[in-house]
Structures are given as C-alpha cells and as structure tokens.
N, C-alpha and C. Protein backbone atom coordinates (compact mmCIF):
# COMPACT_ATOMS: atom_id res chain seq x y z
N ASN A 1 -1.63 -11.46 13.25
CA ASN A 1 -2.68 -11.49 12.24
C ASN A 1 -3.79 -10.52 12.64
N ARG A 2 -4.02 -9.56 11.84
CA ARG A 2 -5.02 -8.54 12.15
C ARG A 2 -6.41 -9.00 11.75
N ILE A 3 -7.37 -8.51 12.48
CA ILE A 3 -8.76 -8.82 12.17
C ILE A 3 -9.23 -7.86 11.09
N MET A 4 -9.86 -8.41 10.07
CA MET A 4 -10.36 -7.59 8.98
C MET A 4 -11.61 -6.85 9.44
N PRO A 5 -11.60 -5.54 9.31
CA PRO A 5 -12.79 -4.79 9.72
C PRO A 5 -13.99 -5.11 8.83
N ASP A 6 -15.16 -4.93 9.38
CA ASP A 6 -16.39 -5.11 8.62
C ASP A 6 -16.71 -3.77 7.98
N PHE A 7 -16.43 -3.65 6.71
CA PHE A 7 -16.63 -2.38 6.02
C PHE A 7 -18.10 -2.15 5.72
N THR A 8 -18.56 -0.98 6.06
CA THR A 8 -19.91 -0.57 5.72
C THR A 8 -19.80 0.49 4.64
N ILE A 9 -20.35 0.19 3.49
CA ILE A 9 -20.29 1.11 2.37
C ILE A 9 -21.72 1.43 1.96
N SER A 10 -21.97 2.69 1.78
CA SER A 10 -23.30 3.13 1.35
C SER A 10 -23.19 3.83 0.00
N LEU A 11 -24.09 3.51 -0.87
CA LEU A 11 -24.19 4.20 -2.15
C LEU A 11 -25.60 4.72 -2.32
N THR A 12 -25.70 5.88 -2.93
CA THR A 12 -27.03 6.36 -3.26
C THR A 12 -27.54 5.53 -4.44
N THR A 13 -28.81 5.60 -4.68
CA THR A 13 -29.38 4.87 -5.82
C THR A 13 -28.72 5.32 -7.11
N ALA A 14 -28.50 6.62 -7.25
CA ALA A 14 -27.87 7.15 -8.47
C ALA A 14 -26.44 6.62 -8.63
N GLN A 15 -25.69 6.54 -7.53
CA GLN A 15 -24.32 6.02 -7.60
C GLN A 15 -24.33 4.56 -8.02
N ALA A 16 -25.21 3.78 -7.44
CA ALA A 16 -25.30 2.36 -7.80
C ALA A 16 -25.70 2.20 -9.26
N GLN A 17 -26.63 3.01 -9.73
CA GLN A 17 -27.08 2.92 -11.12
C GLN A 17 -25.97 3.31 -12.10
N ARG A 18 -25.16 4.31 -11.73
CA ARG A 18 -24.06 4.72 -12.60
C ARG A 18 -22.96 3.66 -12.64
N THR A 19 -22.78 2.93 -11.56
CA THR A 19 -21.72 1.93 -11.47
C THR A 19 -22.15 0.59 -12.06
N ALA A 20 -23.42 0.29 -12.03
CA ALA A 20 -23.94 -1.03 -12.43
C ALA A 20 -23.50 -1.47 -13.83
N PRO A 21 -23.55 -0.61 -14.85
CA PRO A 21 -23.14 -1.08 -16.18
C PRO A 21 -21.66 -1.47 -16.25
N ALA A 22 -20.82 -0.78 -15.50
CA ALA A 22 -19.38 -1.08 -15.52
C ALA A 22 -19.08 -2.43 -14.89
N LEU A 23 -19.98 -2.90 -14.05
CA LEU A 23 -19.77 -4.19 -13.37
C LEU A 23 -20.62 -5.30 -13.98
N SER A 24 -21.04 -5.11 -15.21
CA SER A 24 -21.87 -6.13 -15.87
C SER A 24 -21.12 -7.44 -16.06
N PHE A 25 -19.79 -7.41 -16.00
CA PHE A 25 -19.00 -8.64 -16.13
C PHE A 25 -19.29 -9.62 -15.00
N LEU A 26 -19.93 -9.15 -13.92
CA LEU A 26 -20.27 -10.03 -12.81
C LEU A 26 -21.38 -11.01 -13.17
N ASN A 27 -22.14 -10.69 -14.20
CA ASN A 27 -23.27 -11.53 -14.61
C ASN A 27 -22.97 -12.26 -15.91
N ASP A 28 -23.28 -13.53 -15.93
CA ASP A 28 -23.02 -14.35 -17.12
C ASP A 28 -23.72 -13.81 -18.36
N ASP A 29 -24.89 -13.22 -18.16
CA ASP A 29 -25.64 -12.72 -19.32
C ASP A 29 -25.26 -11.29 -19.69
N GLY A 30 -24.31 -10.70 -18.96
CA GLY A 30 -23.86 -9.34 -19.28
C GLY A 30 -24.80 -8.24 -18.83
N SER A 31 -25.81 -8.60 -18.06
CA SER A 31 -26.74 -7.57 -17.59
C SER A 31 -26.07 -6.73 -16.51
N ASP A 32 -26.61 -5.53 -16.31
CA ASP A 32 -26.06 -4.62 -15.30
C ASP A 32 -26.04 -5.30 -13.94
N ALA A 33 -25.04 -4.97 -13.16
CA ALA A 33 -24.94 -5.50 -11.80
C ALA A 33 -26.05 -4.91 -10.94
N SER A 34 -26.50 -5.69 -9.99
CA SER A 34 -27.50 -5.18 -9.04
C SER A 34 -26.79 -4.31 -8.01
N ALA A 35 -27.55 -3.56 -7.25
CA ALA A 35 -26.97 -2.71 -6.20
C ALA A 35 -26.21 -3.57 -5.20
N ALA A 36 -26.74 -4.74 -4.87
CA ALA A 36 -26.06 -5.64 -3.93
C ALA A 36 -24.73 -6.13 -4.50
N GLN A 37 -24.71 -6.43 -5.80
CA GLN A 37 -23.46 -6.86 -6.43
C GLN A 37 -22.43 -5.74 -6.43
N VAL A 38 -22.87 -4.52 -6.69
CA VAL A 38 -21.96 -3.37 -6.68
C VAL A 38 -21.32 -3.24 -5.30
N LEU A 39 -22.14 -3.29 -4.26
CA LEU A 39 -21.62 -3.15 -2.90
C LEU A 39 -20.69 -4.31 -2.54
N ALA A 40 -21.05 -5.52 -2.91
CA ALA A 40 -20.20 -6.67 -2.61
C ALA A 40 -18.85 -6.54 -3.32
N TRP A 41 -18.87 -6.11 -4.57
CA TRP A 41 -17.64 -5.94 -5.33
C TRP A 41 -16.77 -4.86 -4.69
N LEU A 42 -17.37 -3.75 -4.30
CA LEU A 42 -16.60 -2.67 -3.66
C LEU A 42 -15.97 -3.14 -2.35
N ARG A 43 -16.72 -3.89 -1.55
CA ARG A 43 -16.17 -4.40 -0.29
C ARG A 43 -15.00 -5.36 -0.55
N ARG A 44 -15.14 -6.22 -1.56
CA ARG A 44 -14.04 -7.14 -1.88
C ARG A 44 -12.79 -6.37 -2.30
N GLN A 45 -12.98 -5.33 -3.11
CA GLN A 45 -11.84 -4.53 -3.55
C GLN A 45 -11.16 -3.84 -2.36
N LEU A 46 -11.97 -3.29 -1.48
CA LEU A 46 -11.44 -2.60 -0.31
C LEU A 46 -10.70 -3.57 0.61
N ARG A 47 -11.29 -4.73 0.85
CA ARG A 47 -10.62 -5.74 1.68
C ARG A 47 -9.30 -6.17 1.05
N GLY A 48 -9.30 -6.32 -0.26
CA GLY A 48 -8.08 -6.70 -0.96
C GLY A 48 -6.98 -5.67 -0.77
N LYS A 49 -7.34 -4.40 -0.86
CA LYS A 49 -6.36 -3.33 -0.66
C LYS A 49 -5.86 -3.31 0.78
N VAL A 50 -6.74 -3.54 1.74
CA VAL A 50 -6.33 -3.57 3.14
C VAL A 50 -5.38 -4.74 3.37
N ARG A 51 -5.70 -5.90 2.82
CA ARG A 51 -4.81 -7.07 2.97
C ARG A 51 -3.44 -6.80 2.34
N GLN A 52 -3.46 -6.19 1.17
CA GLN A 52 -2.21 -5.87 0.50
C GLN A 52 -1.37 -4.93 1.36
N TYR A 53 -1.98 -3.92 1.93
CA TYR A 53 -1.28 -2.98 2.80
C TYR A 53 -0.72 -3.70 4.03
N GLN A 54 -1.53 -4.56 4.64
CA GLN A 54 -1.08 -5.28 5.83
C GLN A 54 0.10 -6.20 5.50
N GLN A 55 0.05 -6.83 4.34
CA GLN A 55 1.16 -7.70 3.94
C GLN A 55 2.43 -6.88 3.71
N GLN A 56 2.28 -5.71 3.09
CA GLN A 56 3.44 -4.85 2.87
C GLN A 56 4.06 -4.42 4.19
N GLN A 57 3.20 -4.11 5.16
CA GLN A 57 3.70 -3.71 6.47
C GLN A 57 4.42 -4.87 7.15
N ALA A 58 3.87 -6.07 7.05
CA ALA A 58 4.50 -7.24 7.67
C ALA A 58 5.86 -7.53 7.02
N VAL A 59 5.94 -7.40 5.70
CA VAL A 59 7.21 -7.61 5.01
C VAL A 59 8.23 -6.57 5.44
N ALA A 60 7.80 -5.32 5.57
CA ALA A 60 8.71 -4.26 6.01
C ALA A 60 9.26 -4.54 7.40
N VAL A 61 8.41 -5.01 8.30
CA VAL A 61 8.85 -5.34 9.66
C VAL A 61 9.84 -6.51 9.62
N ALA A 62 9.52 -7.53 8.84
CA ALA A 62 10.41 -8.68 8.73
C ALA A 62 11.76 -8.28 8.12
N ASP A 63 11.72 -7.45 7.09
CA ASP A 63 12.97 -6.98 6.46
C ASP A 63 13.81 -6.19 7.45
N ALA A 64 13.17 -5.32 8.22
CA ALA A 64 13.89 -4.53 9.22
C ALA A 64 14.52 -5.43 10.27
N ASP A 65 13.81 -6.48 10.66
CA ASP A 65 14.34 -7.42 11.64
C ASP A 65 15.56 -8.15 11.09
N VAL A 66 15.47 -8.60 9.86
CA VAL A 66 16.61 -9.28 9.22
C VAL A 66 17.79 -8.33 9.11
N ASP A 67 17.53 -7.09 8.67
CA ASP A 67 18.60 -6.09 8.56
C ASP A 67 19.27 -5.84 9.91
N ALA A 68 18.48 -5.74 10.96
CA ALA A 68 19.02 -5.49 12.30
C ALA A 68 19.86 -6.68 12.76
N THR A 69 19.37 -7.89 12.50
CA THR A 69 20.12 -9.09 12.88
C THR A 69 21.44 -9.17 12.14
N LEU A 70 21.41 -8.90 10.85
CA LEU A 70 22.64 -8.93 10.06
C LEU A 70 23.62 -7.86 10.52
N ALA A 71 23.11 -6.67 10.81
CA ALA A 71 23.97 -5.59 11.29
C ALA A 71 24.60 -5.95 12.63
N ALA A 72 23.83 -6.58 13.49
CA ALA A 72 24.35 -6.98 14.81
C ALA A 72 25.43 -8.05 14.68
N GLU A 73 25.36 -8.83 13.61
CA GLU A 73 26.36 -9.87 13.38
C GLU A 73 27.53 -9.36 12.54
N GLY A 74 27.51 -8.07 12.23
CA GLY A 74 28.62 -7.47 11.49
C GLY A 74 28.55 -7.59 9.99
N TRP A 75 27.42 -7.89 9.47
CA TRP A 75 27.28 -8.00 8.02
C TRP A 75 27.07 -6.67 7.41
C-alpha cells in the first residue's frame, strides 16, 4: 500500500477566477467556487487519478503473477 503524496498545487488569482464559475456546482446556491474550493477539488481529482493508476499497476502485477503461476503449471 503506497502512501499518498501531499500534493501542493498553486494557482494564480487569475487562474482561480477563471476556474471558479466552472466549479459552481460545489455550492448549493450555484455561486462561483472559492479559491480554496478550486484547490481542494483539484487535489481530489489528482489523488483520484493517482489511486486509479496505483490500482491499475497492482492489477497488472497480480495478473502477471497469475499468468506465471499458470504457465509454471503447464496451463
């Protein structure tokens, strides 16, 4: 089990302002997301992608192990 890195993401004020309307779904009232919400959302997305990659790697290792075991048994 790998340790999830602590991602540090920086956005300029202009980047956060351009992104905020697209993330308005984060707020019940539909208002633009705050800069903190934008950063939190980006970190969650990045962590999700890292987890997905790690799971794919683990499955590939497990599949290779099963294939090797089957081959060794003459399958």
